[in-house]
């Protein structure tokens, strides 16, 4: 009897130790991945270090991709912090309209996905106000900075990003968001429906 009990106890101890090892490894991996993500101050510093007005065409393209890559690793709240720092306006303003369109194709889809994901933490009745205000603020940044990006190109990029996000939602969530979008659009308060 005691031999079976000690065998069972030994098996349980090994199982618990194995589980603890898995948790420690997973925690270490999560910590390592988080430490690889750039912080807002790092992104802002990187943007401010690169004056695109002084760069060659090839360097502008490279730096634009690097900035977009760093921004695309941030969550929505962090993206807003970068936007409020005015570093993006400084970076974005000297780009040509065609460079701005390529920039939008890289950055807008991720930004829209992060925005819509952040909206899901809001109560349903406030969700569309949050989305509308956030998109309006982004459009101010995109469409009022001279030289401006083509508004039709920006609208297409934004709508494609919204549609892509909605298509990735479970059916019930997608229908709920589409109904909410349509309700606000009919009131003239929300962005065009996707």
N, C-alpha and C. Protein backbone atom coordinates (compact mmCIF):
# COMPACT_ATOMS: atom_id res chain seq x y z
N UNK A 1 0.82 -1.18 0.00
CA UNK A 1 0.00 0.00 0.00
C UNK A 1 0.87 1.25 0.00
N UNK A 2 1.87 1.31 0.90
CA UNK A 2 2.71 2.49 0.99
C UNK A 2 3.58 2.64 -0.26
N UNK A 3 3.93 1.53 -0.92
CA UNK A 3 4.72 1.59 -2.15
C UNK A 3 3.91 2.25 -3.26
N UNK A 4 2.58 1.90 -3.37
CA UNK A 4 1.72 2.52 -4.38
C UNK A 4 1.51 3.99 -4.06
N UNK A 5 1.38 4.30 -2.79
CA UNK A 5 1.18 5.68 -2.38
C UNK A 5 2.40 6.53 -2.72
N UNK A 6 3.58 5.99 -2.48
CA UNK A 6 4.79 6.76 -2.79
C UNK A 6 4.98 6.91 -4.30
N UNK A 7 4.56 5.90 -5.09
CA UNK A 7 4.65 6.00 -6.55
C UNK A 7 3.69 7.08 -7.04
N UNK A 8 2.45 7.09 -6.53
CA UNK A 8 1.47 8.11 -6.91
C UNK A 8 1.95 9.49 -6.50
N UNK A 9 2.47 9.60 -5.30
CA UNK A 9 2.97 10.89 -4.82
C UNK A 9 4.11 11.36 -5.71
N UNK A 10 4.99 10.45 -6.08
CA UNK A 10 6.12 10.80 -6.96
C UNK A 10 5.63 11.26 -8.32
N UNK A 11 4.62 10.61 -8.87
CA UNK A 11 4.05 11.01 -10.16
C UNK A 11 3.44 12.40 -10.06
N UNK A 12 2.70 12.66 -9.00
CA UNK A 12 2.08 13.98 -8.81
C UNK A 12 3.13 15.08 -8.64
N UNK A 13 4.16 14.78 -7.90
CA UNK A 13 5.23 15.77 -7.70
C UNK A 13 5.91 16.08 -9.03
N UNK A 14 6.19 15.04 -9.83
CA UNK A 14 6.80 15.26 -11.14
C UNK A 14 5.87 16.05 -12.05
N UNK A 15 4.58 15.76 -12.00
CA UNK A 15 3.62 16.50 -12.83
C UNK A 15 3.56 17.97 -12.43
N UNK A 16 3.54 18.23 -11.14
CA UNK A 16 3.51 19.62 -10.66
C UNK A 16 4.79 20.34 -11.05
N UNK A 17 5.93 19.68 -10.88
CA UNK A 17 7.20 20.30 -11.27
C UNK A 17 7.26 20.57 -12.77
N UNK A 18 6.78 19.64 -13.58
CA UNK A 18 6.75 19.84 -15.03
C UNK A 18 5.86 21.02 -15.39
N UNK A 19 4.70 21.11 -14.74
CA UNK A 19 3.78 22.23 -14.98
C UNK A 19 4.43 23.56 -14.59
N UNK A 20 5.10 23.58 -13.46
CA UNK A 20 5.79 24.79 -13.02
C UNK A 20 6.88 25.18 -14.02
N UNK A 21 7.62 24.22 -14.54
CA UNK A 21 8.65 24.50 -15.53
C UNK A 21 8.04 25.11 -16.79
N UNK A 22 6.92 24.57 -17.21
CA UNK A 22 6.23 25.10 -18.40
C UNK A 22 5.82 26.55 -18.15
N UNK A 23 5.27 26.85 -16.97
CA UNK A 23 4.85 28.21 -16.65
C UNK A 23 6.05 29.15 -16.60
N UNK A 24 7.15 28.71 -16.05
CA UNK A 24 8.35 29.55 -15.98
C UNK A 24 8.86 29.83 -17.39
N UNK A 25 8.90 28.82 -18.25
CA UNK A 25 9.35 29.01 -19.63
C UNK A 25 8.41 29.94 -20.39
N UNK A 26 7.11 29.75 -20.22
CA UNK A 26 6.13 30.62 -20.90
C UNK A 26 6.26 32.05 -20.40
N UNK A 27 6.40 32.22 -19.11
CA UNK A 27 6.57 33.57 -18.55
C UNK A 27 7.84 34.23 -19.07
N UNK A 28 8.90 33.47 -19.15
CA UNK A 28 10.15 34.00 -19.69
C UNK A 28 10.02 34.40 -21.15
N UNK A 29 9.31 33.59 -21.92
CA UNK A 29 9.11 33.91 -23.34
C UNK A 29 8.26 35.17 -23.49
N UNK A 30 7.22 35.29 -22.70
CA UNK A 30 6.37 36.50 -22.75
C UNK A 30 7.17 37.72 -22.37
N UNK A 31 7.96 37.62 -21.31
CA UNK A 31 8.80 38.74 -20.89
C UNK A 31 9.78 39.12 -22.00
N UNK A 32 10.39 38.13 -22.62
CA UNK A 32 11.37 38.40 -23.68
C UNK A 32 10.69 39.09 -24.87
N UNK A 33 9.51 38.62 -25.25
CA UNK A 33 8.80 39.24 -26.37
C UNK A 33 8.40 40.68 -26.05
N UNK A 34 7.93 40.91 -24.84
CA UNK A 34 7.55 42.28 -24.46
C UNK A 34 8.75 43.21 -24.44
N UNK A 35 9.89 42.69 -24.04
CA UNK A 35 11.08 43.55 -23.98
C UNK A 35 11.59 43.88 -25.38
N UNK A 36 11.21 43.11 -26.39
CA UNK A 36 11.61 43.39 -27.76
C UNK A 36 10.76 44.48 -28.40
N UNK A 37 9.53 44.68 -27.88
CA UNK A 37 8.66 45.71 -28.42
C UNK A 37 9.18 47.09 -28.05
N UNK A 38 9.15 48.01 -29.00
CA UNK A 38 9.64 49.35 -28.67
C UNK A 38 8.67 50.07 -27.73
N UNK A 39 9.21 51.00 -26.97
CA UNK A 39 8.39 51.83 -26.09
C UNK A 39 8.04 53.12 -26.83
N UNK A 40 7.07 53.85 -26.31
CA UNK A 40 6.68 55.12 -26.93
C UNK A 40 7.88 56.09 -26.98
N UNK A 41 8.61 56.29 -25.88
CA UNK A 41 9.76 57.21 -25.96
C UNK A 41 10.81 56.77 -27.00
N UNK A 42 11.01 55.46 -27.14
CA UNK A 42 11.96 54.98 -28.15
C UNK A 42 11.48 55.28 -29.56
N UNK A 43 10.19 55.08 -29.81
CA UNK A 43 9.64 55.35 -31.14
C UNK A 43 9.71 56.84 -31.44
N UNK A 44 9.30 57.67 -30.48
CA UNK A 44 9.34 59.12 -30.68
C UNK A 44 10.78 59.58 -30.93
N UNK A 45 11.73 59.07 -30.16
CA UNK A 45 13.14 59.44 -30.36
C UNK A 45 13.61 59.02 -31.75
N UNK A 46 13.26 57.82 -32.18
CA UNK A 46 13.66 57.35 -33.51
C UNK A 46 13.09 58.26 -34.59
N UNK A 47 11.82 58.62 -34.46
CA UNK A 47 11.19 59.49 -35.46
C UNK A 47 11.90 60.84 -35.50
N UNK A 48 12.18 61.40 -34.34
CA UNK A 48 12.80 62.73 -34.29
C UNK A 48 14.26 62.72 -34.76
N UNK A 49 14.90 61.57 -34.72
CA UNK A 49 16.29 61.46 -35.18
C UNK A 49 16.41 61.49 -36.70
N UNK A 50 15.30 61.25 -37.39
CA UNK A 50 15.35 61.12 -38.85
C UNK A 50 14.54 62.24 -39.51
N UNK A 51 15.25 63.25 -39.99
CA UNK A 51 14.63 64.35 -40.69
C UNK A 51 14.52 63.95 -42.16
N UNK A 52 13.32 63.55 -42.58
CA UNK A 52 13.17 63.03 -43.94
C UNK A 52 13.45 64.08 -45.00
N UNK A 53 13.37 65.35 -44.64
CA UNK A 53 13.69 66.42 -45.61
C UNK A 53 15.14 66.34 -46.06
N UNK A 54 16.00 65.80 -45.22
CA UNK A 54 17.43 65.75 -45.52
C UNK A 54 17.88 64.41 -46.08
N UNK A 55 16.96 63.48 -46.26
CA UNK A 55 17.33 62.13 -46.70
C UNK A 55 17.15 61.95 -48.20
N UNK A 56 17.95 61.06 -48.75
CA UNK A 56 17.79 60.68 -50.16
C UNK A 56 16.49 59.88 -50.31
N UNK A 57 16.06 59.68 -51.54
CA UNK A 57 14.83 58.92 -51.79
C UNK A 57 14.91 57.52 -51.21
N UNK A 58 16.05 56.84 -51.38
CA UNK A 58 16.21 55.48 -50.86
C UNK A 58 16.17 55.47 -49.33
N UNK A 59 16.85 56.45 -48.72
CA UNK A 59 16.85 56.52 -47.26
C UNK A 59 15.48 56.88 -46.71
N UNK A 60 14.74 57.74 -47.43
CA UNK A 60 13.37 58.08 -47.01
C UNK A 60 12.50 56.83 -46.99
N UNK A 61 12.63 56.01 -48.04
CA UNK A 61 11.85 54.78 -48.13
C UNK A 61 12.22 53.84 -46.98
N UNK A 62 13.51 53.69 -46.72
CA UNK A 62 13.97 52.81 -45.64
C UNK A 62 13.48 53.30 -44.29
N UNK A 63 13.65 54.58 -44.01
CA UNK A 63 13.25 55.14 -42.72
C UNK A 63 11.74 55.07 -42.56
N UNK A 64 11.01 55.33 -43.63
CA UNK A 64 9.54 55.25 -43.57
C UNK A 64 9.11 53.85 -43.17
N UNK A 65 9.74 52.83 -43.77
CA UNK A 65 9.41 51.44 -43.42
C UNK A 65 9.77 51.14 -41.96
N UNK A 66 10.92 51.63 -41.52
CA UNK A 66 11.34 51.38 -40.14
C UNK A 66 10.40 52.04 -39.13
N UNK A 67 9.99 53.27 -39.41
CA UNK A 67 9.05 53.94 -38.52
C UNK A 67 7.73 53.18 -38.50
N UNK A 68 7.25 52.79 -39.66
CA UNK A 68 5.98 52.05 -39.73
C UNK A 68 6.09 50.73 -38.97
N UNK A 69 7.21 50.04 -39.11
CA UNK A 69 7.41 48.77 -38.40
C UNK A 69 7.35 48.99 -36.89
N UNK A 70 7.98 50.03 -36.41
CA UNK A 70 7.97 50.32 -34.97
C UNK A 70 6.56 50.70 -34.51
N UNK A 71 5.89 51.54 -35.27
CA UNK A 71 4.53 51.94 -34.90
C UNK A 71 3.57 50.75 -34.90
N UNK A 72 3.75 49.86 -35.85
CA UNK A 72 2.85 48.71 -35.96
C UNK A 72 3.01 47.73 -34.80
N UNK A 73 4.04 47.90 -33.99
CA UNK A 73 4.22 47.04 -32.81
C UNK A 73 3.56 47.61 -31.56
N UNK A 74 3.04 48.83 -31.66
CA UNK A 74 2.44 49.49 -30.50
C UNK A 74 0.94 49.19 -30.43
N UNK A 75 0.39 49.25 -29.22
CA UNK A 75 -1.06 49.12 -29.09
C UNK A 75 -1.70 50.49 -29.33
N UNK A 76 -3.04 50.54 -29.30
CA UNK A 76 -3.73 51.78 -29.67
C UNK A 76 -3.38 52.93 -28.73
N UNK A 77 -3.35 52.68 -27.43
CA UNK A 77 -3.04 53.75 -26.48
C UNK A 77 -1.63 54.29 -26.72
N UNK A 78 -0.69 53.41 -27.03
CA UNK A 78 0.67 53.86 -27.32
C UNK A 78 0.73 54.65 -28.63
N UNK A 79 -0.05 54.22 -29.63
CA UNK A 79 -0.10 54.97 -30.88
C UNK A 79 -0.62 56.38 -30.65
N UNK A 80 -1.62 56.51 -29.78
CA UNK A 80 -2.16 57.83 -29.46
C UNK A 80 -1.10 58.68 -28.76
N UNK A 81 -0.31 58.08 -27.89
CA UNK A 81 0.75 58.84 -27.22
C UNK A 81 1.77 59.36 -28.23
N UNK A 82 2.11 58.54 -29.21
CA UNK A 82 3.04 58.98 -30.26
C UNK A 82 2.40 60.13 -31.05
N UNK A 83 1.13 59.99 -31.37
CA UNK A 83 0.42 61.04 -32.12
C UNK A 83 0.42 62.34 -31.35
N UNK A 84 0.13 62.28 -30.05
CA UNK A 84 0.08 63.49 -29.22
C UNK A 84 1.46 64.14 -29.07
N UNK A 85 2.53 63.39 -29.25
CA UNK A 85 3.88 63.94 -29.13
C UNK A 85 4.21 64.88 -30.29
N UNK A 86 3.42 64.86 -31.35
CA UNK A 86 3.63 65.65 -32.56
C UNK A 86 4.83 65.16 -33.38
N UNK A 87 5.48 64.10 -32.96
CA UNK A 87 6.63 63.59 -33.71
C UNK A 87 6.19 63.10 -35.08
N UNK A 88 5.01 62.47 -35.16
CA UNK A 88 4.55 61.97 -36.45
C UNK A 88 4.26 63.10 -37.42
N UNK A 89 3.69 64.20 -36.95
CA UNK A 89 3.42 65.34 -37.83
C UNK A 89 4.72 65.86 -38.41
N UNK A 90 5.75 65.95 -37.58
CA UNK A 90 7.07 66.39 -38.02
C UNK A 90 7.62 65.44 -39.08
N UNK A 91 7.45 64.16 -38.86
CA UNK A 91 7.94 63.14 -39.79
C UNK A 91 7.12 63.11 -41.07
N UNK A 92 5.81 63.18 -40.94
CA UNK A 92 4.88 62.94 -42.03
C UNK A 92 4.79 64.13 -42.99
N UNK A 93 4.86 65.34 -42.49
CA UNK A 93 4.62 66.53 -43.29
C UNK A 93 5.48 66.61 -44.54
N UNK A 94 6.79 66.36 -44.49
CA UNK A 94 7.60 66.52 -45.69
C UNK A 94 7.43 65.42 -46.75
N UNK A 95 6.70 64.36 -46.45
CA UNK A 95 6.53 63.30 -47.43
C UNK A 95 5.72 63.82 -48.62
N UNK A 96 6.03 63.30 -49.80
CA UNK A 96 5.26 63.66 -51.00
C UNK A 96 3.90 62.95 -50.94
N UNK A 97 2.92 63.39 -51.73
CA UNK A 97 1.63 62.69 -51.73
C UNK A 97 1.74 61.19 -52.04
N UNK A 98 2.61 60.81 -52.96
CA UNK A 98 2.75 59.38 -53.26
C UNK A 98 3.41 58.64 -52.10
N UNK A 99 4.37 59.27 -51.43
CA UNK A 99 4.98 58.66 -50.24
C UNK A 99 3.94 58.53 -49.12
N UNK A 100 3.10 59.54 -48.99
CA UNK A 100 2.06 59.49 -47.96
C UNK A 100 1.07 58.36 -48.24
N UNK A 101 0.77 58.15 -49.51
CA UNK A 101 -0.15 57.05 -49.85
C UNK A 101 0.49 55.70 -49.51
N UNK A 102 1.76 55.53 -49.85
CA UNK A 102 2.45 54.28 -49.50
C UNK A 102 2.53 54.12 -47.98
N UNK A 103 2.80 55.22 -47.28
CA UNK A 103 2.84 55.21 -45.81
C UNK A 103 1.48 54.78 -45.27
N UNK A 104 0.41 55.34 -45.81
CA UNK A 104 -0.94 55.00 -45.35
C UNK A 104 -1.23 53.52 -45.58
N UNK A 105 -0.79 52.99 -46.69
CA UNK A 105 -1.02 51.56 -46.97
C UNK A 105 -0.32 50.67 -45.96
N UNK A 106 0.77 51.14 -45.39
CA UNK A 106 1.51 50.36 -44.39
C UNK A 106 0.91 50.55 -43.00
N UNK A 107 0.57 51.77 -42.63
CA UNK A 107 0.25 52.08 -41.24
C UNK A 107 -1.24 52.08 -40.93
N UNK A 108 -2.09 52.50 -41.86
CA UNK A 108 -3.52 52.63 -41.57
C UNK A 108 -4.18 51.30 -41.21
N UNK A 109 -3.93 50.21 -41.93
CA UNK A 109 -4.61 48.96 -41.55
C UNK A 109 -4.34 48.54 -40.11
N UNK A 110 -3.08 48.59 -39.67
CA UNK A 110 -2.76 48.19 -38.30
C UNK A 110 -3.40 49.17 -37.32
N UNK A 111 -3.32 50.47 -37.62
CA UNK A 111 -3.90 51.47 -36.73
C UNK A 111 -5.41 51.27 -36.59
N UNK A 112 -6.09 51.02 -37.70
CA UNK A 112 -7.54 50.79 -37.66
C UNK A 112 -7.85 49.52 -36.88
N UNK A 113 -7.10 48.47 -37.09
CA UNK A 113 -7.32 47.23 -36.34
C UNK A 113 -7.14 47.47 -34.85
N UNK A 114 -6.09 48.21 -34.46
CA UNK A 114 -5.86 48.49 -33.05
C UNK A 114 -6.98 49.36 -32.47
N UNK A 115 -7.42 50.35 -33.25
CA UNK A 115 -8.51 51.22 -32.83
C UNK A 115 -9.79 50.43 -32.60
N UNK A 116 -10.15 49.60 -33.56
CA UNK A 116 -11.39 48.83 -33.45
C UNK A 116 -11.30 47.80 -32.32
N UNK A 117 -10.13 47.21 -32.14
CA UNK A 117 -9.96 46.27 -31.02
C UNK A 117 -10.09 47.01 -29.69
N UNK A 118 -9.52 48.22 -29.60
CA UNK A 118 -9.63 49.01 -28.37
C UNK A 118 -11.08 49.42 -28.12
N UNK A 119 -11.84 49.62 -29.17
CA UNK A 119 -13.25 50.03 -29.00
C UNK A 119 -14.08 48.94 -28.36
N UNK A 120 -13.67 47.71 -28.50
CA UNK A 120 -14.46 46.60 -27.97
C UNK A 120 -14.46 46.57 -26.44
N UNK A 121 -13.52 47.28 -25.83
CA UNK A 121 -13.51 47.34 -24.37
C UNK A 121 -14.47 48.42 -23.85
N UNK A 122 -15.04 49.20 -24.76
CA UNK A 122 -15.99 50.26 -24.39
C UNK A 122 -17.40 49.68 -24.33
N UNK A 123 -18.26 50.29 -23.52
CA UNK A 123 -19.67 49.87 -23.54
C UNK A 123 -20.24 50.08 -24.95
N UNK A 124 -21.16 49.22 -25.34
CA UNK A 124 -21.70 49.25 -26.70
C UNK A 124 -22.24 50.62 -27.08
N UNK A 125 -22.93 51.29 -26.15
CA UNK A 125 -23.54 52.58 -26.47
C UNK A 125 -22.49 53.69 -26.67
N UNK A 126 -21.26 53.48 -26.20
CA UNK A 126 -20.20 54.49 -26.36
C UNK A 126 -19.17 54.09 -27.40
N UNK A 127 -19.29 52.88 -27.89
CA UNK A 127 -18.27 52.35 -28.80
C UNK A 127 -18.14 53.18 -30.08
N UNK A 128 -19.25 53.48 -30.70
CA UNK A 128 -19.18 54.19 -31.97
C UNK A 128 -18.69 55.63 -31.79
N UNK A 129 -19.03 56.25 -30.66
CA UNK A 129 -18.50 57.59 -30.40
C UNK A 129 -16.98 57.55 -30.33
N UNK A 130 -16.46 56.53 -29.65
CA UNK A 130 -15.01 56.36 -29.55
C UNK A 130 -14.39 56.16 -30.93
N UNK A 131 -14.99 55.29 -31.74
CA UNK A 131 -14.47 55.01 -33.08
C UNK A 131 -14.52 56.27 -33.94
N UNK A 132 -15.66 56.94 -33.92
CA UNK A 132 -15.84 58.14 -34.75
C UNK A 132 -14.84 59.22 -34.37
N UNK A 133 -14.69 59.48 -33.09
CA UNK A 133 -13.75 60.51 -32.64
C UNK A 133 -12.32 60.15 -33.01
N UNK A 134 -11.96 58.88 -32.82
CA UNK A 134 -10.59 58.46 -33.13
C UNK A 134 -10.31 58.55 -34.62
N UNK A 135 -11.25 58.11 -35.45
CA UNK A 135 -11.05 58.19 -36.90
C UNK A 135 -11.00 59.65 -37.34
N UNK A 136 -11.85 60.49 -36.77
CA UNK A 136 -11.84 61.91 -37.11
C UNK A 136 -10.48 62.52 -36.79
N UNK A 137 -9.94 62.22 -35.63
CA UNK A 137 -8.62 62.75 -35.26
C UNK A 137 -7.54 62.26 -36.20
N UNK A 138 -7.61 61.00 -36.60
CA UNK A 138 -6.62 60.47 -37.54
C UNK A 138 -6.76 61.15 -38.89
N UNK A 139 -8.01 61.37 -39.32
CA UNK A 139 -8.21 62.02 -40.61
C UNK A 139 -7.68 63.45 -40.60
N UNK A 140 -7.80 64.13 -39.48
CA UNK A 140 -7.21 65.47 -39.39
C UNK A 140 -5.71 65.39 -39.66
N UNK A 141 -5.07 64.40 -39.04
CA UNK A 141 -3.63 64.23 -39.24
C UNK A 141 -3.32 63.90 -40.70
N UNK A 142 -4.09 63.02 -41.29
CA UNK A 142 -3.80 62.54 -42.65
C UNK A 142 -4.18 63.53 -43.73
N UNK A 143 -5.32 64.17 -43.59
CA UNK A 143 -5.88 64.94 -44.71
C UNK A 143 -5.62 66.44 -44.64
N UNK A 144 -5.10 66.94 -43.54
CA UNK A 144 -4.86 68.37 -43.44
C UNK A 144 -3.39 68.75 -43.50
N UNK A 145 -2.51 67.77 -43.46
CA UNK A 145 -1.09 68.04 -43.51
C UNK A 145 -0.68 68.21 -44.98
N UNK A 146 -0.18 69.38 -45.32
CA UNK A 146 0.19 69.67 -46.71
C UNK A 146 1.58 69.11 -46.99
N UNK A 147 1.83 68.57 -48.17
CA UNK A 147 0.85 68.27 -49.21
C UNK A 147 -0.02 67.10 -48.77
N UNK A 148 -1.27 67.16 -49.14
CA UNK A 148 -2.23 66.18 -48.64
C UNK A 148 -2.19 64.89 -49.45
N UNK A 149 -2.55 63.82 -48.77
CA UNK A 149 -2.73 62.55 -49.43
C UNK A 149 -4.06 62.62 -50.18
N UNK A 150 -4.16 61.92 -51.27
CA UNK A 150 -5.41 61.89 -52.02
C UNK A 150 -6.51 61.34 -51.13
N UNK A 151 -7.59 62.10 -50.93
CA UNK A 151 -8.64 61.70 -49.98
C UNK A 151 -9.34 60.41 -50.42
N UNK A 152 -9.47 60.19 -51.72
CA UNK A 152 -10.09 58.94 -52.19
C UNK A 152 -9.20 57.75 -51.87
N UNK A 153 -7.89 57.92 -52.06
CA UNK A 153 -6.96 56.84 -51.75
C UNK A 153 -7.00 56.54 -50.26
N UNK A 154 -6.99 57.60 -49.44
CA UNK A 154 -7.06 57.39 -48.00
C UNK A 154 -8.37 56.71 -47.60
N UNK A 155 -9.47 57.18 -48.17
CA UNK A 155 -10.77 56.56 -47.87
C UNK A 155 -10.80 55.09 -48.22
N UNK A 156 -10.23 54.75 -49.38
CA UNK A 156 -10.18 53.34 -49.80
C UNK A 156 -9.34 52.52 -48.83
N UNK A 157 -8.18 53.04 -48.46
CA UNK A 157 -7.29 52.32 -47.54
C UNK A 157 -7.99 52.12 -46.19
N UNK A 158 -8.64 53.18 -45.69
CA UNK A 158 -9.34 53.10 -44.40
C UNK A 158 -10.49 52.10 -44.46
N UNK A 159 -11.29 52.16 -45.51
CA UNK A 159 -12.43 51.24 -45.63
C UNK A 159 -11.98 49.80 -45.79
N UNK A 160 -10.91 49.57 -46.54
CA UNK A 160 -10.38 48.21 -46.68
C UNK A 160 -9.91 47.67 -45.33
N UNK A 161 -9.28 48.54 -44.53
CA UNK A 161 -8.81 48.13 -43.20
C UNK A 161 -9.97 47.80 -42.28
N UNK A 162 -11.02 48.62 -42.32
CA UNK A 162 -12.21 48.37 -41.49
C UNK A 162 -12.88 47.06 -41.91
N UNK A 163 -13.03 46.87 -43.21
CA UNK A 163 -13.67 45.65 -43.72
C UNK A 163 -12.84 44.43 -43.33
N UNK A 164 -11.53 44.53 -43.44
CA UNK A 164 -10.65 43.43 -43.06
C UNK A 164 -10.82 43.08 -41.58
N UNK A 165 -10.90 44.09 -40.73
CA UNK A 165 -11.08 43.85 -39.30
C UNK A 165 -12.43 43.17 -39.05
N UNK A 166 -13.48 43.72 -39.63
CA UNK A 166 -14.82 43.16 -39.41
C UNK A 166 -14.92 41.73 -39.93
N UNK A 167 -14.29 41.46 -41.06
CA UNK A 167 -14.33 40.10 -41.62
C UNK A 167 -13.65 39.09 -40.70
N UNK A 168 -12.72 39.56 -39.86
CA UNK A 168 -12.03 38.66 -38.94
C UNK A 168 -12.78 38.41 -37.64
N UNK A 169 -13.89 39.12 -37.42
CA UNK A 169 -14.67 38.94 -36.20
C UNK A 169 -15.60 37.74 -36.31
N UNK A 170 -15.97 37.15 -35.18
CA UNK A 170 -17.02 36.14 -35.22
C UNK A 170 -18.30 36.77 -35.77
N UNK A 171 -19.15 35.96 -36.39
CA UNK A 171 -20.34 36.46 -37.09
C UNK A 171 -21.19 37.37 -36.22
N UNK A 172 -21.48 36.98 -35.00
CA UNK A 172 -22.34 37.79 -34.13
C UNK A 172 -21.73 39.15 -33.83
N UNK A 173 -20.43 39.18 -33.54
CA UNK A 173 -19.75 40.44 -33.27
C UNK A 173 -19.71 41.32 -34.52
N UNK A 174 -19.46 40.70 -35.66
CA UNK A 174 -19.41 41.46 -36.92
C UNK A 174 -20.76 42.10 -37.21
N UNK A 175 -21.84 41.32 -37.07
CA UNK A 175 -23.17 41.86 -37.33
C UNK A 175 -23.49 42.99 -36.36
N UNK A 176 -23.12 42.84 -35.11
CA UNK A 176 -23.36 43.89 -34.12
C UNK A 176 -22.62 45.17 -34.50
N UNK A 177 -21.35 45.05 -34.88
CA UNK A 177 -20.58 46.23 -35.27
C UNK A 177 -21.14 46.86 -36.55
N UNK A 178 -21.53 46.04 -37.52
CA UNK A 178 -22.08 46.58 -38.76
C UNK A 178 -23.40 47.31 -38.51
N UNK A 179 -24.25 46.77 -37.65
CA UNK A 179 -25.52 47.43 -37.31
C UNK A 179 -25.25 48.76 -36.60
N UNK A 180 -24.32 48.74 -35.68
CA UNK A 180 -23.97 49.96 -34.96
C UNK A 180 -23.41 51.00 -35.92
N UNK A 181 -22.57 50.58 -36.84
CA UNK A 181 -21.98 51.47 -37.83
C UNK A 181 -23.07 52.09 -38.69
N UNK A 182 -24.00 51.27 -39.14
CA UNK A 182 -25.08 51.76 -40.01
C UNK A 182 -25.96 52.76 -39.27
N UNK A 183 -26.25 52.49 -38.02
CA UNK A 183 -27.08 53.38 -37.20
C UNK A 183 -26.44 54.77 -37.10
N UNK A 184 -25.16 54.80 -36.81
CA UNK A 184 -24.46 56.07 -36.70
C UNK A 184 -24.32 56.76 -38.05
N UNK A 185 -24.07 55.98 -39.09
CA UNK A 185 -23.93 56.57 -40.43
C UNK A 185 -25.22 57.25 -40.84
N UNK A 186 -26.36 56.62 -40.56
CA UNK A 186 -27.67 57.20 -40.90
C UNK A 186 -27.91 58.51 -40.17
N UNK A 187 -27.36 58.63 -38.97
CA UNK A 187 -27.49 59.87 -38.20
C UNK A 187 -26.48 60.91 -38.67
N UNK A 188 -25.60 60.53 -39.58
CA UNK A 188 -24.57 61.44 -40.05
C UNK A 188 -23.46 61.65 -39.04
N UNK A 189 -23.33 60.75 -38.07
CA UNK A 189 -22.34 60.92 -37.00
C UNK A 189 -21.12 60.04 -37.17
N UNK A 190 -21.25 58.97 -37.89
CA UNK A 190 -20.13 58.03 -37.98
C UNK A 190 -19.47 58.06 -39.34
N UNK A 191 -18.30 57.45 -39.44
CA UNK A 191 -17.64 57.35 -40.73
C UNK A 191 -18.45 56.44 -41.65
N UNK A 192 -18.17 56.51 -42.93
CA UNK A 192 -18.88 55.66 -43.89
C UNK A 192 -18.83 54.22 -43.42
N UNK A 193 -19.90 53.49 -43.69
CA UNK A 193 -19.89 52.08 -43.32
C UNK A 193 -18.93 51.34 -44.23
N UNK A 194 -18.32 50.31 -43.71
CA UNK A 194 -17.32 49.56 -44.49
C UNK A 194 -17.95 48.77 -45.61
